[in-house]
Amino acid sequence: MKTWTEEIEINAPIETVWKVIDGSEENLKKLDPKIISSKVIEETEKRIGSRYLQEYKEGRKVMEYVVEVKDYVEDNNKKMYKIGFELGDWFDITVKYDLKKIDEDKTHMVYTTTNRPMKFFANIMMRMMGNNSSVVKTHVEKIKKLSET
């Protein structure tokens, strides 16, 4: 299992940052243009347990996977959104956005992603790929840019 964490201070109100990472199809496509669609399968009142079918294009290949909301907190000073999905029966991936209000115009964000191989060969592949911290850093910087504009 491999975990990457990146922290950043964003010069935007917590509500503005929250809208960028809220999981809506429109905002997902802004964050990652490789996401083709995200359709509701089941939505719960408190969001935990909600499931979405997403399509993702990598090169010419289109992959489908079900994303489930694992944890969710939304109040005035703290917001957190954690999702999980299995990618091609190879990897179990979790993604967590944790926001804390610093003041009216600043937000502290911690982004954590975990990638757990589900097959022996996937474990070998992950070790060969090395450290993908630049991908995580780029993602966090994109959230900052979208929130501050």
N, C-alpha and C. Protein backbone atom coordinates (compact mmCIF):
# COMPACT_ATOMS: atom_id res chain seq x y z
N MET A 1 0.84 -1.18 0.00
CA MET A 1 0.00 0.00 0.00
C MET A 1 0.88 1.24 0.00
N LYS A 2 0.45 2.24 -0.74
CA LYS A 2 1.20 3.48 -0.84
C LYS A 2 0.26 4.64 -0.55
N THR A 3 0.72 5.59 0.26
CA THR A 3 -0.08 6.76 0.61
C THR A 3 0.71 8.02 0.30
N TRP A 4 0.01 8.98 -0.31
CA TRP A 4 0.59 10.28 -0.59
C TRP A 4 -0.26 11.34 0.09
N THR A 5 0.39 12.33 0.72
CA THR A 5 -0.33 13.41 1.38
C THR A 5 0.30 14.74 0.98
N GLU A 6 -0.54 15.71 0.71
CA GLU A 6 -0.07 17.05 0.37
C GLU A 6 -0.95 18.06 1.11
N GLU A 7 -0.32 19.06 1.73
CA GLU A 7 -1.05 20.13 2.43
C GLU A 7 -0.80 21.44 1.72
N ILE A 8 -1.81 22.30 1.77
CA ILE A 8 -1.68 23.59 1.10
C ILE A 8 -2.62 24.61 1.76
N GLU A 9 -2.21 25.86 1.74
CA GLU A 9 -3.07 26.95 2.19
C GLU A 9 -3.62 27.62 0.93
N ILE A 10 -4.93 27.78 0.91
CA ILE A 10 -5.61 28.34 -0.26
C ILE A 10 -6.22 29.69 0.12
N ASN A 11 -5.95 30.69 -0.68
CA ASN A 11 -6.47 32.04 -0.44
C ASN A 11 -7.88 32.17 -0.98
N ALA A 12 -8.79 31.45 -0.35
CA ALA A 12 -10.20 31.47 -0.73
C ALA A 12 -11.01 30.98 0.46
N PRO A 13 -12.25 31.42 0.57
CA PRO A 13 -13.12 30.94 1.65
C PRO A 13 -13.34 29.42 1.54
N ILE A 14 -13.59 28.79 2.66
CA ILE A 14 -13.77 27.35 2.70
C ILE A 14 -14.91 26.91 1.77
N GLU A 15 -15.98 27.70 1.66
CA GLU A 15 -17.11 27.34 0.79
C GLU A 15 -16.70 27.33 -0.68
N THR A 16 -15.82 28.24 -1.07
CA THR A 16 -15.34 28.30 -2.44
C THR A 16 -14.52 27.07 -2.78
N VAL A 17 -13.61 26.68 -1.88
CA VAL A 17 -12.78 25.49 -2.10
C VAL A 17 -13.67 24.25 -2.14
N TRP A 18 -14.64 24.20 -1.25
CA TRP A 18 -15.56 23.06 -1.16
C TRP A 18 -16.28 22.84 -2.49
N LYS A 19 -16.69 23.92 -3.13
CA LYS A 19 -17.41 23.80 -4.41
C LYS A 19 -16.52 23.21 -5.49
N VAL A 20 -15.22 23.45 -5.42
CA VAL A 20 -14.28 22.90 -6.41
C VAL A 20 -14.16 21.38 -6.26
N ILE A 21 -14.23 20.88 -5.04
CA ILE A 21 -13.99 19.45 -4.79
C ILE A 21 -15.26 18.69 -4.41
N ASP A 22 -16.42 19.26 -4.68
CA ASP A 22 -17.69 18.69 -4.19
C ASP A 22 -18.11 17.37 -4.83
N GLY A 23 -17.40 16.91 -5.84
CA GLY A 23 -17.73 15.63 -6.47
C GLY A 23 -18.74 15.73 -7.59
N SER A 24 -19.20 16.94 -7.90
CA SER A 24 -20.15 17.08 -9.01
C SER A 24 -19.43 16.77 -10.32
N GLU A 25 -20.19 16.29 -11.29
CA GLU A 25 -19.60 15.92 -12.59
C GLU A 25 -18.88 17.11 -13.22
N GLU A 26 -19.48 18.28 -13.19
CA GLU A 26 -18.88 19.48 -13.78
C GLU A 26 -17.52 19.78 -13.16
N ASN A 27 -17.44 19.74 -11.82
CA ASN A 27 -16.19 20.06 -11.15
C ASN A 27 -15.15 18.95 -11.29
N LEU A 28 -15.60 17.70 -11.33
CA LEU A 28 -14.68 16.59 -11.55
C LEU A 28 -13.96 16.75 -12.90
N LYS A 29 -14.71 17.14 -13.92
CA LYS A 29 -14.13 17.32 -15.25
C LYS A 29 -13.13 18.48 -15.28
N LYS A 30 -13.37 19.51 -14.46
CA LYS A 30 -12.42 20.62 -14.37
C LYS A 30 -11.12 20.16 -13.70
N LEU A 31 -11.27 19.34 -12.66
CA LEU A 31 -10.09 18.84 -11.95
C LEU A 31 -9.31 17.83 -12.77
N ASP A 32 -10.03 16.99 -13.52
CA ASP A 32 -9.37 15.95 -14.31
C ASP A 32 -10.12 15.77 -15.62
N PRO A 33 -9.59 16.34 -16.71
CA PRO A 33 -10.27 16.24 -18.00
C PRO A 33 -10.41 14.80 -18.52
N LYS A 34 -9.71 13.86 -17.92
CA LYS A 34 -9.83 12.46 -18.34
C LYS A 34 -11.13 11.83 -17.85
N ILE A 35 -11.80 12.48 -16.90
CA ILE A 35 -13.09 11.96 -16.43
C ILE A 35 -14.14 12.33 -17.48
N ILE A 36 -14.80 11.31 -18.00
CA ILE A 36 -15.82 11.49 -19.04
C ILE A 36 -17.17 11.79 -18.42
N SER A 37 -17.53 11.01 -17.39
CA SER A 37 -18.84 11.21 -16.77
C SER A 37 -18.85 10.68 -15.34
N SER A 38 -19.82 11.14 -14.58
CA SER A 38 -20.06 10.67 -13.22
C SER A 38 -21.56 10.70 -13.00
N LYS A 39 -22.17 9.53 -12.95
CA LYS A 39 -23.62 9.42 -12.83
C LYS A 39 -24.00 8.80 -11.49
N VAL A 40 -25.06 9.32 -10.89
CA VAL A 40 -25.54 8.82 -9.60
C VAL A 40 -26.10 7.40 -9.77
N ILE A 41 -25.64 6.50 -8.92
CA ILE A 41 -26.24 5.16 -8.81
C ILE A 41 -27.21 5.18 -7.63
N GLU A 42 -26.69 5.70 -6.52
CA GLU A 42 -27.48 5.79 -5.29
C GLU A 42 -26.96 6.97 -4.49
N GLU A 43 -27.87 7.80 -4.00
CA GLU A 43 -27.47 8.95 -3.19
C GLU A 43 -28.19 8.89 -1.85
N THR A 44 -27.42 8.97 -0.77
CA THR A 44 -28.00 8.92 0.56
C THR A 44 -28.15 10.34 1.11
N GLU A 45 -28.99 10.48 2.10
CA GLU A 45 -29.26 11.79 2.68
C GLU A 45 -28.01 12.43 3.27
N LYS A 46 -27.20 11.62 3.95
CA LYS A 46 -26.00 12.16 4.60
C LYS A 46 -24.74 11.97 3.75
N ARG A 47 -24.90 11.58 2.49
CA ARG A 47 -23.86 11.37 1.49
C ARG A 47 -23.01 10.12 1.72
N ILE A 48 -22.78 9.72 2.98
CA ILE A 48 -21.98 8.51 3.22
C ILE A 48 -22.74 7.31 2.66
N GLY A 49 -22.05 6.52 1.84
CA GLY A 49 -22.69 5.39 1.19
C GLY A 49 -23.22 5.71 -0.20
N SER A 50 -23.24 6.98 -0.58
CA SER A 50 -23.65 7.34 -1.94
C SER A 50 -22.67 6.72 -2.92
N ARG A 51 -23.20 6.32 -4.09
CA ARG A 51 -22.35 5.67 -5.09
C ARG A 51 -22.59 6.30 -6.46
N TYR A 52 -21.50 6.39 -7.23
CA TYR A 52 -21.53 7.03 -8.54
C TYR A 52 -20.76 6.16 -9.53
N LEU A 53 -21.27 6.04 -10.74
CA LEU A 53 -20.57 5.34 -11.81
C LEU A 53 -19.78 6.37 -12.59
N GLN A 54 -18.46 6.20 -12.62
CA GLN A 54 -17.62 7.15 -13.34
C GLN A 54 -16.95 6.45 -14.52
N GLU A 55 -16.78 7.24 -15.59
CA GLU A 55 -16.03 6.79 -16.75
C GLU A 55 -14.78 7.66 -16.86
N TYR A 56 -13.65 7.01 -17.12
CA TYR A 56 -12.35 7.66 -17.14
C TYR A 56 -11.61 7.20 -18.39
N LYS A 57 -11.05 8.14 -19.13
CA LYS A 57 -10.35 7.80 -20.36
C LYS A 57 -8.85 7.92 -20.16
N GLU A 58 -8.16 6.83 -20.39
CA GLU A 58 -6.70 6.78 -20.31
C GLU A 58 -6.20 6.35 -21.68
N GLY A 59 -5.69 7.32 -22.45
CA GLY A 59 -5.32 7.03 -23.84
C GLY A 59 -6.58 6.74 -24.63
N ARG A 60 -6.61 5.58 -25.28
CA ARG A 60 -7.81 5.17 -26.04
C ARG A 60 -8.77 4.33 -25.21
N LYS A 61 -8.32 3.90 -24.05
CA LYS A 61 -9.11 3.00 -23.22
C LYS A 61 -10.03 3.79 -22.28
N VAL A 62 -11.29 3.37 -22.21
CA VAL A 62 -12.26 3.96 -21.29
C VAL A 62 -12.53 2.94 -20.19
N MET A 63 -12.35 3.37 -18.95
CA MET A 63 -12.59 2.49 -17.80
C MET A 63 -13.81 2.98 -17.03
N GLU A 64 -14.56 2.05 -16.50
CA GLU A 64 -15.68 2.38 -15.63
C GLU A 64 -15.38 1.85 -14.23
N TYR A 65 -15.79 2.62 -13.25
CA TYR A 65 -15.63 2.18 -11.87
C TYR A 65 -16.69 2.85 -11.02
N VAL A 66 -17.00 2.23 -9.88
CA VAL A 66 -18.00 2.76 -8.96
C VAL A 66 -17.27 3.45 -7.81
N VAL A 67 -17.59 4.72 -7.61
CA VAL A 67 -17.02 5.52 -6.53
C VAL A 67 -18.04 5.55 -5.40
N GLU A 68 -17.57 5.28 -4.17
CA GLU A 68 -18.45 5.32 -3.01
C GLU A 68 -17.94 6.35 -2.01
N VAL A 69 -18.86 7.15 -1.47
CA VAL A 69 -18.50 8.12 -0.44
C VAL A 69 -18.32 7.35 0.87
N LYS A 70 -17.11 7.36 1.41
CA LYS A 70 -16.77 6.61 2.62
C LYS A 70 -16.96 7.43 3.89
N ASP A 71 -16.72 8.73 3.79
CA ASP A 71 -16.86 9.61 4.95
C ASP A 71 -17.16 11.02 4.44
N TYR A 72 -17.89 11.77 5.25
CA TYR A 72 -18.34 13.10 4.79
C TYR A 72 -18.67 13.96 6.01
N VAL A 73 -18.09 15.16 6.04
CA VAL A 73 -18.38 16.12 7.10
C VAL A 73 -18.54 17.48 6.44
N GLU A 74 -19.58 18.20 6.83
CA GLU A 74 -19.78 19.54 6.28
C GLU A 74 -20.36 20.44 7.37
N ASP A 75 -19.49 21.31 7.90
CA ASP A 75 -19.97 22.36 8.79
C ASP A 75 -19.25 23.66 8.42
N ASN A 76 -19.45 24.71 9.18
CA ASN A 76 -18.92 26.02 8.80
C ASN A 76 -17.40 26.11 8.82
N ASN A 77 -16.74 25.38 9.71
CA ASN A 77 -15.30 25.50 9.88
C ASN A 77 -14.50 24.30 9.40
N LYS A 78 -15.16 23.20 9.11
CA LYS A 78 -14.47 21.98 8.69
C LYS A 78 -15.33 21.25 7.68
N LYS A 79 -14.67 20.79 6.62
CA LYS A 79 -15.36 20.00 5.61
C LYS A 79 -14.42 18.87 5.21
N MET A 80 -14.99 17.68 5.03
CA MET A 80 -14.18 16.53 4.67
C MET A 80 -14.98 15.63 3.75
N TYR A 81 -14.30 15.10 2.76
CA TYR A 81 -14.92 14.27 1.74
C TYR A 81 -13.95 13.13 1.43
N LYS A 82 -14.36 11.90 1.69
CA LYS A 82 -13.50 10.75 1.42
C LYS A 82 -14.26 9.76 0.53
N ILE A 83 -13.61 9.38 -0.57
CA ILE A 83 -14.21 8.43 -1.49
C ILE A 83 -13.29 7.23 -1.67
N GLY A 84 -13.85 6.14 -2.16
CA GLY A 84 -13.07 4.96 -2.46
C GLY A 84 -13.60 4.29 -3.71
N PHE A 85 -12.70 3.64 -4.44
CA PHE A 85 -13.10 2.90 -5.64
C PHE A 85 -12.04 1.88 -5.99
N GLU A 86 -12.45 0.87 -6.75
CA GLU A 86 -11.52 -0.14 -7.26
C GLU A 86 -11.29 0.16 -8.73
N LEU A 87 -10.03 0.24 -9.10
CA LEU A 87 -9.67 0.54 -10.48
C LEU A 87 -9.27 -0.75 -11.18
N GLY A 88 -10.15 -1.21 -12.05
CA GLY A 88 -9.87 -2.38 -12.88
C GLY A 88 -9.54 -3.65 -12.13
N ASP A 89 -10.08 -3.85 -10.96
CA ASP A 89 -9.77 -5.01 -10.12
C ASP A 89 -8.28 -5.14 -9.81
N TRP A 90 -7.54 -4.05 -10.00
CA TRP A 90 -6.11 -4.06 -9.73
C TRP A 90 -5.75 -3.28 -8.47
N PHE A 91 -6.42 -2.14 -8.29
CA PHE A 91 -6.07 -1.26 -7.18
C PHE A 91 -7.32 -0.81 -6.43
N ASP A 92 -7.21 -0.76 -5.11
CA ASP A 92 -8.24 -0.18 -4.24
C ASP A 92 -7.71 1.20 -3.85
N ILE A 93 -8.42 2.23 -4.29
CA ILE A 93 -7.94 3.60 -4.13
C ILE A 93 -8.88 4.38 -3.22
N THR A 94 -8.32 5.16 -2.30
CA THR A 94 -9.10 6.09 -1.51
C THR A 94 -8.53 7.50 -1.73
N VAL A 95 -9.41 8.47 -1.70
CA VAL A 95 -9.05 9.87 -1.87
C VAL A 95 -9.77 10.65 -0.78
N LYS A 96 -9.03 11.51 -0.08
CA LYS A 96 -9.64 12.28 1.00
C LYS A 96 -9.22 13.74 0.89
N TYR A 97 -10.24 14.61 0.95
CA TYR A 97 -10.03 16.06 1.01
C TYR A 97 -10.47 16.51 2.39
N ASP A 98 -9.58 17.17 3.12
CA ASP A 98 -9.88 17.63 4.47
C ASP A 98 -9.63 19.14 4.51
N LEU A 99 -10.70 19.92 4.69
CA LEU A 99 -10.59 21.38 4.69
C LEU A 99 -10.84 21.94 6.08
N LYS A 100 -10.05 22.94 6.46
CA LYS A 100 -10.26 23.65 7.71
C LYS A 100 -10.20 25.14 7.42
N LYS A 101 -11.17 25.85 7.96
CA LYS A 101 -11.24 27.31 7.79
C LYS A 101 -10.16 27.95 8.66
N ILE A 102 -9.30 28.75 8.03
CA ILE A 102 -8.30 29.52 8.76
C ILE A 102 -8.92 30.85 9.19
N ASP A 103 -9.51 31.53 8.20
CA ASP A 103 -10.29 32.75 8.45
C ASP A 103 -11.27 32.90 7.29
N GLU A 104 -11.90 34.03 7.18
CA GLU A 104 -12.95 34.20 6.16
C GLU A 104 -12.44 34.03 4.73
N ASP A 105 -11.15 34.27 4.50
CA ASP A 105 -10.61 34.22 3.15
C ASP A 105 -9.46 33.23 2.96
N LYS A 106 -9.26 32.34 3.93
CA LYS A 106 -8.18 31.36 3.82
C LYS A 106 -8.64 30.00 4.31
N THR A 107 -8.19 28.97 3.59
CA THR A 107 -8.55 27.60 3.91
C THR A 107 -7.29 26.73 3.88
N HIS A 108 -7.18 25.86 4.85
CA HIS A 108 -6.10 24.88 4.88
C HIS A 108 -6.67 23.56 4.35
N MET A 109 -5.98 22.97 3.36
CA MET A 109 -6.45 21.71 2.80
C MET A 109 -5.38 20.64 2.93
N VAL A 110 -5.81 19.46 3.34
CA VAL A 110 -4.95 18.28 3.34
C VAL A 110 -5.58 17.28 2.36
N TYR A 111 -4.81 16.89 1.37
CA TYR A 111 -5.25 15.91 0.37
C TYR A 111 -4.45 14.63 0.60
N THR A 112 -5.16 13.52 0.73
CA THR A 112 -4.50 12.24 0.94
C THR A 112 -5.08 11.22 -0.02
N THR A 113 -4.23 10.48 -0.68
CA THR A 113 -4.68 9.40 -1.54
C THR A 113 -3.89 8.14 -1.20
N THR A 114 -4.60 7.03 -1.17
CA THR A 114 -3.99 5.75 -0.86
C THR A 114 -4.28 4.77 -1.98
N ASN A 115 -3.27 4.04 -2.37
CA ASN A 115 -3.39 3.08 -3.46
C ASN A 115 -2.94 1.71 -2.92
N ARG A 116 -3.91 0.78 -2.82
CA ARG A 116 -3.60 -0.56 -2.32
C ARG A 116 -3.75 -1.56 -3.46
N PRO A 117 -2.65 -2.23 -3.83
CA PRO A 117 -2.75 -3.24 -4.89
C PRO A 117 -3.62 -4.41 -4.44
N MET A 118 -4.43 -4.92 -5.37
CA MET A 118 -5.33 -6.03 -5.05
C MET A 118 -4.81 -7.36 -5.59
N LYS A 119 -3.77 -7.30 -6.42
CA LYS A 119 -3.18 -8.51 -7.00
C LYS A 119 -1.67 -8.43 -6.83
N PHE A 120 -1.04 -9.57 -6.80
CA PHE A 120 0.42 -9.62 -6.64
C PHE A 120 1.12 -8.82 -7.72
N PHE A 121 0.70 -9.01 -8.96
CA PHE A 121 1.34 -8.31 -10.07
C PHE A 121 1.14 -6.79 -9.96
N ALA A 122 -0.01 -6.36 -9.46
CA ALA A 122 -0.27 -4.93 -9.26
C ALA A 122 0.71 -4.35 -8.24
N ASN A 123 1.05 -5.13 -7.23
CA ASN A 123 2.02 -4.70 -6.22
C ASN A 123 3.38 -4.46 -6.87
N ILE A 124 3.77 -5.35 -7.75
CA ILE A 124 5.05 -5.21 -8.46
C ILE A 124 5.00 -3.96 -9.35
N MET A 125 3.89 -3.79 -10.08
CA MET A 125 3.74 -2.62 -10.95
C MET A 125 3.86 -1.33 -10.15
N MET A 126 3.21 -1.28 -8.99
CA MET A 126 3.23 -0.08 -8.16
C MET A 126 4.65 0.23 -7.69
N ARG A 127 5.39 -0.79 -7.32
CA ARG A 127 6.78 -0.56 -6.88
C ARG A 127 7.65 -0.06 -8.02
N MET A 128 7.37 -0.53 -9.22
CA MET A 128 8.16 -0.09 -10.39
C MET A 128 7.83 1.35 -10.77
N MET A 129 6.58 1.77 -10.51
CA MET A 129 6.17 3.14 -10.86
C MET A 129 6.88 4.17 -9.99
N GLY A 130 7.31 3.80 -8.81
CA GLY A 130 8.01 4.73 -7.94
C GLY A 130 7.07 5.70 -7.25
N ASN A 131 7.59 6.88 -6.97
CA ASN A 131 6.85 7.87 -6.20
C ASN A 131 6.09 8.81 -7.13
N ASN A 132 4.78 8.87 -6.99
CA ASN A 132 3.94 9.74 -7.82
C ASN A 132 3.58 11.02 -7.08
N SER A 133 4.45 11.50 -6.21
CA SER A 133 4.12 12.69 -5.43
C SER A 133 3.93 13.93 -6.32
N SER A 134 4.57 13.97 -7.49
CA SER A 134 4.39 15.12 -8.38
C SER A 134 2.96 15.18 -8.91
N VAL A 135 2.32 14.02 -9.13
CA VAL A 135 0.92 13.98 -9.57
C VAL A 135 0.02 14.55 -8.47
N VAL A 136 0.29 14.18 -7.23
CA VAL A 136 -0.48 14.67 -6.09
C VAL A 136 -0.29 16.17 -5.94
N LYS A 137 0.93 16.62 -6.03
CA LYS A 137 1.23 18.06 -5.90
C LYS A 137 0.54 18.85 -7.01
N THR A 138 0.56 18.35 -8.23
CA THR A 138 -0.10 19.01 -9.35
C THR A 138 -1.61 19.10 -9.13
N HIS A 139 -2.21 18.04 -8.61
CA HIS A 139 -3.64 18.02 -8.33
C HIS A 139 -4.00 19.08 -7.28
N VAL A 140 -3.23 19.16 -6.22
CA VAL A 140 -3.48 20.13 -5.15
C VAL A 140 -3.30 21.56 -5.67
N GLU A 141 -2.31 21.77 -6.49
CA GLU A 141 -2.09 23.11 -7.07
C GLU A 141 -3.24 23.49 -7.99
N LYS A 142 -3.82 22.52 -8.70
CA LYS A 142 -4.96 22.81 -9.56
C LYS A 142 -6.18 23.22 -8.73
N ILE A 143 -6.40 22.55 -7.61
CA ILE A 143 -7.50 22.92 -6.70
C ILE A 143 -7.30 24.34 -6.20
N LYS A 144 -6.07 24.66 -5.83
CA LYS A 144 -5.74 26.03 -5.37
C LYS A 144 -6.05 27.04 -6.45
N LYS A 145 -5.61 26.78 -7.67
CA LYS A 145 -5.80 27.71 -8.78
C LYS A 145 -7.29 27.89 -9.08
N LEU A 146 -8.05 26.79 -9.15
CA LEU A 146 -9.49 26.88 -9.43
C LEU A 146 -10.23 27.62 -8.31
N SER A 147 -9.77 27.46 -7.08
CA SER A 147 -10.43 28.10 -5.92
C SER A 147 -10.13 29.59 -5.86
N GLU A 148 -8.95 29.97 -6.27
CA GLU A 148 -8.52 31.36 -6.14
C GLU A 148 -8.90 32.24 -7.32
N THR A 149 -9.43 31.64 -8.39
CA THR A 149 -9.79 32.45 -9.57
C THR A 149 -11.28 32.75 -9.59
